[in-house]
Amino acid sequence: MDSLKSEIAEVAAALAVQEGLEYGAAKRRALKQLGLPGRTALPRNDEIEEAVLAYIALFCADTQPGELLALRRLALVWMERMAAFRPYLSGAVWRGTATRRSDIYIQLFCDDSKSAEISLIDHQVAYQPRTVTGFHGEAVEALSLSVFCPELKAEVGVHLLVYDLDDVRGALKRDTKGRLPRGDLGAVRHLLHDQAP
């Protein structure tokens, strides 16, 4: 990685950890922070992830594992609540790079796009609907919640991204390192079992 990309990756990594930004947003903010033009070549997500892991090892090694465990436990609670909609955990909580400032991203795959929203209404769960960019670059509806995490003693953003059932096949493509970019209920339970102290 050239020195400019390396510098962008380091700044983006700090933003991702300190502010809980996803990699795309962290890269854009890093460009602004460094005063670079918008057309500057950006580091790949795997390069950002390496920089995030280095940042965590240097500055958060004592707190991050416990914070990640708490976030994964909270994610599992919401995945179990939304089990009828084939939930998959993604983002920093799935990748293992989350800290207390990270939000939880759960992808739902529904026969009817309104069924997840109706379920939240039926259970009197307050949420904010919004549109986000999906894993294929398309517009996807997100149902965003603010949930209290007892282990962290703080509110955590939980975002339920609503996809069509047919999109589940695209959700299973591996990244450049051969890892799945998201995990279902069984995979998250396995992570928690492996991570438990």
Protein backbone atom coordinates (compact mmCIF):
# COMPACT_ATOMS: atom_id res chain seq x y z
CA MET A 1 0.00 0.00 0.00
CA ASP A 2 1.47 3.39 -0.94
CA SER A 3 2.09 5.97 1.78
CA LEU A 4 -0.97 8.14 0.98
CA LYS A 5 -3.33 5.16 1.01
CA SER A 6 -1.67 4.01 4.21
CA GLU A 7 -2.25 7.41 5.82
CA ILE A 8 -5.90 7.41 4.72
CA ALA A 9 -6.30 3.87 6.12
CA GLU A 10 -4.84 4.89 9.49
CA VAL A 11 -7.09 7.95 9.81
CA ALA A 12 -10.14 5.97 8.65
CA ALA A 13 -9.32 3.20 11.14
CA ALA A 14 -9.16 5.69 14.01
CA LEU A 15 -12.54 7.13 12.94
CA ALA A 16 -14.05 3.65 12.63
CA VAL A 17 -12.95 2.74 16.16
CA GLN A 18 -13.47 6.08 17.90
CA GLU A 19 -16.80 6.99 16.28
CA GLY A 20 -18.15 3.59 15.23
CA LEU A 21 -18.21 4.51 11.53
CA GLU A 22 -18.52 1.85 8.84
CA TYR A 23 -15.56 1.72 6.47
CA GLY A 24 -17.10 3.67 3.57
CA ALA A 25 -18.06 6.60 5.78
CA ALA A 26 -14.71 6.45 7.59
CA LYS A 27 -12.80 6.66 4.30
CA ARG A 28 -14.83 9.69 3.14
CA ARG A 29 -14.31 11.44 6.49
CA ALA A 30 -10.58 10.63 6.38
CA LEU A 31 -10.30 12.35 2.98
CA LYS A 32 -11.95 15.49 4.39
CA GLN A 33 -9.86 15.40 7.55
CA LEU A 34 -6.66 15.11 5.50
CA GLY A 35 -7.82 17.83 3.07
CA LEU A 36 -7.59 15.51 0.07
CA PRO A 37 -9.74 15.74 -3.07
CA GLY A 38 -12.75 13.44 -3.39
CA ARG A 39 -11.18 11.60 -6.35
CA THR A 40 -8.17 10.43 -4.31
CA ALA A 41 -7.56 6.67 -4.61
CA LEU A 42 -8.86 5.00 -1.45
CA PRO A 43 -7.58 1.94 0.39
CA ARG A 44 -9.63 -1.25 0.06
CA ASN A 45 -11.86 -2.37 2.95
CA ASP A 46 -9.48 -5.20 3.84
CA GLU A 47 -6.69 -2.60 4.18
CA ILE A 48 -8.91 -0.52 6.46
CA GLU A 49 -9.68 -3.64 8.49
CA GLU A 50 -5.95 -4.34 8.96
CA ALA A 51 -5.47 -0.75 10.17
CA VAL A 52 -8.48 -1.09 12.51
CA LEU A 53 -7.05 -4.28 14.02
CA ALA A 54 -3.68 -2.54 14.52
CA TYR A 55 -5.41 0.46 16.16
CA ILE A 56 -7.41 -1.80 18.48
CA ALA A 57 -4.29 -3.77 19.44
CA LEU A 58 -2.47 -0.53 20.27
CA PHE A 59 -5.16 1.54 21.97
CA CYS A 60 -8.09 -0.72 22.97
CA ALA A 61 -6.66 -4.15 23.71
CA ASP A 62 -7.87 -4.11 27.32
CA THR A 63 -11.48 -3.02 26.64
CA GLN A 64 -12.41 -4.08 23.10
CA PRO A 65 -12.85 -7.86 23.65
CA GLY A 66 -15.43 -7.29 26.42
CA GLU A 67 -17.23 -4.60 24.41
CA LEU A 68 -17.36 -6.88 21.36
CA LEU A 69 -18.75 -9.73 23.46
CA ALA A 70 -21.48 -7.46 24.86
CA LEU A 71 -22.44 -6.25 21.38
CA ARG A 72 -22.54 -9.80 20.01
CA ARG A 73 -24.77 -10.89 22.89
CA LEU A 74 -27.13 -8.00 22.21
CA ALA A 75 -27.10 -8.81 18.48
CA LEU A 76 -28.03 -12.41 19.26
CA VAL A 77 -31.02 -11.24 21.33
CA TRP A 78 -32.32 -9.21 18.38
CA MET A 79 -31.55 -11.95 15.87
CA GLU A 80 -33.57 -14.39 18.00
CA ARG A 81 -36.44 -11.87 18.22
CA MET A 82 -36.39 -11.50 14.43
CA ALA A 83 -35.70 -15.18 13.68
CA ALA A 84 -38.75 -15.47 11.42
CA PHE A 85 -37.01 -13.11 8.97
CA ARG A 86 -33.81 -15.14 8.48
CA PRO A 87 -31.42 -12.69 10.24
CA TYR A 88 -27.73 -12.35 9.41
CA LEU A 89 -25.26 -10.29 11.47
CA SER A 90 -22.87 -8.10 9.46
CA GLY A 91 -20.57 -5.12 9.99
CA ALA A 92 -17.96 -4.62 12.70
CA VAL A 93 -19.82 -6.75 15.27
CA TRP A 94 -19.65 -9.74 12.90
CA ARG A 95 -16.06 -9.03 11.78
CA GLY A 96 -14.83 -8.71 15.36
CA THR A 97 -13.63 -5.11 15.10
CA ALA A 98 -16.50 -3.48 17.03
CA THR A 99 -16.11 -1.31 20.11
CA ARG A 100 -18.75 0.26 22.37
CA ARG A 101 -19.27 3.00 19.76
CA SER A 102 -20.18 0.55 17.00
CA ASP A 103 -23.73 -0.05 15.85
CA ILE A 104 -25.20 -3.49 15.21
CA TYR A 105 -26.26 -4.32 11.63
CA ILE A 106 -28.66 -7.21 11.11
CA GLN A 107 -29.81 -8.13 7.63
CA LEU A 108 -33.31 -9.61 7.34
CA PHE A 109 -34.53 -11.60 4.33
CA CYS A 110 -38.32 -11.37 4.05
CA ASP A 111 -41.06 -12.79 1.83
CA ASP A 112 -42.92 -9.51 2.35
CA SER A 113 -40.84 -6.36 2.80
CA LYS A 114 -43.31 -4.89 5.33
CA SER A 115 -43.52 -7.99 7.56
CA ALA A 116 -40.49 -7.08 9.71
CA GLU A 117 -41.84 -3.57 10.25
CA ILE A 118 -45.27 -4.95 11.17
CA SER A 119 -43.59 -7.28 13.69
CA LEU A 120 -41.90 -4.31 15.39
CA ILE A 121 -45.20 -2.41 15.48
CA ASP A 122 -47.01 -5.44 16.92
CA HIS A 123 -44.40 -5.66 19.70
CA GLN A 124 -44.55 -1.87 20.29
CA VAL A 125 -40.88 -1.38 19.43
CA ALA A 126 -40.01 2.21 18.54
CA TYR A 127 -37.96 2.47 15.35
CA GLN A 128 -36.93 4.99 12.72
CA PRO A 129 -37.34 3.97 9.07
CA ARG A 130 -34.60 5.09 6.68
CA THR A 131 -32.97 4.12 3.41
CA VAL A 132 -29.37 2.86 3.33
CA THR A 133 -27.06 1.38 0.71
CA GLY A 134 -27.29 -2.42 0.53
CA PHE A 135 -24.56 -4.95 -0.13
CA HIS A 136 -25.07 -4.69 -3.92
CA GLY A 137 -25.10 -0.87 -3.87
CA GLU A 138 -28.91 -0.73 -4.06
CA ALA A 139 -31.25 1.26 -1.80
CA VAL A 140 -32.45 -0.85 1.13
CA GLU A 141 -34.96 -0.04 3.85
CA ALA A 142 -33.48 0.01 7.35
CA LEU A 143 -35.44 -0.04 10.59
CA SER A 144 -33.20 1.69 13.15
CA LEU A 145 -33.63 1.18 16.89
CA SER A 146 -31.90 2.57 19.94
CA VAL A 147 -31.49 -0.29 22.41
CA PHE A 148 -30.07 -0.21 25.94
CA CYS A 149 -27.16 -2.63 26.39
CA PRO A 150 -26.98 -3.61 30.09
CA GLU A 151 -23.39 -4.87 29.84
CA LEU A 152 -22.14 -1.59 28.35
CA LYS A 153 -24.63 0.55 30.34
CA ALA A 154 -25.26 2.52 27.15
CA GLU A 155 -27.65 2.88 24.22
CA VAL A 156 -26.61 1.02 21.08
CA GLY A 157 -27.89 1.53 17.55
CA VAL A 158 -29.43 -1.61 16.06
CA HIS A 159 -30.19 -1.42 12.34
CA LEU A 160 -32.44 -4.03 10.74
CA LEU A 161 -31.82 -3.97 6.98
CA VAL A 162 -34.77 -5.43 5.07
CA TYR A 163 -33.97 -7.44 1.93
CA ASP A 164 -36.12 -9.59 -0.34
CA LEU A 165 -35.91 -13.31 0.35
CA ASP A 166 -34.26 -13.86 -3.06
CA ASP A 167 -31.28 -11.71 -1.97
CA VAL A 168 -30.16 -14.27 0.61
CA ARG A 169 -28.00 -16.06 -2.00
CA GLY A 170 -25.96 -12.89 -2.55
CA ALA A 171 -25.52 -12.62 1.20
CA LEU A 172 -23.42 -15.78 1.25
CA LYS A 173 -20.57 -14.70 -1.07
CA ARG A 174 -17.13 -14.85 0.54
CA ASP A 175 -14.74 -11.89 0.69
CA THR A 176 -11.18 -11.77 -0.68
CA LYS A 177 -9.90 -13.68 2.37
CA GLY A 178 -12.50 -16.42 1.98
CA ARG A 179 -14.59 -15.25 4.94
CA LEU A 180 -18.34 -14.84 4.93
CA PRO A 181 -19.21 -11.13 5.28
CA ARG A 182 -22.17 -12.02 7.51
CA GLY A 183 -23.36 -14.83 9.74
CA ASP A 184 -26.69 -16.43 10.62
CA LEU A 185 -27.97 -17.32 14.11
CA GLY A 186 -25.91 -20.52 14.29
CA ALA A 187 -22.72 -18.73 13.27
CA VAL A 188 -23.24 -15.97 15.86
CA ARG A 189 -23.91 -18.53 18.60
CA HIS A 190 -20.69 -20.28 17.57
CA LEU A 191 -18.75 -16.98 17.79
CA LEU A 192 -20.14 -16.34 21.27
CA HIS A 193 -19.27 -19.85 22.40
CA ASP A 194 -15.69 -19.40 21.13
CA GLN A 195 -15.39 -15.91 22.64
CA ALA A 196 -16.89 -16.67 26.07
CA PRO A 197 -14.37 -16.16 28.89
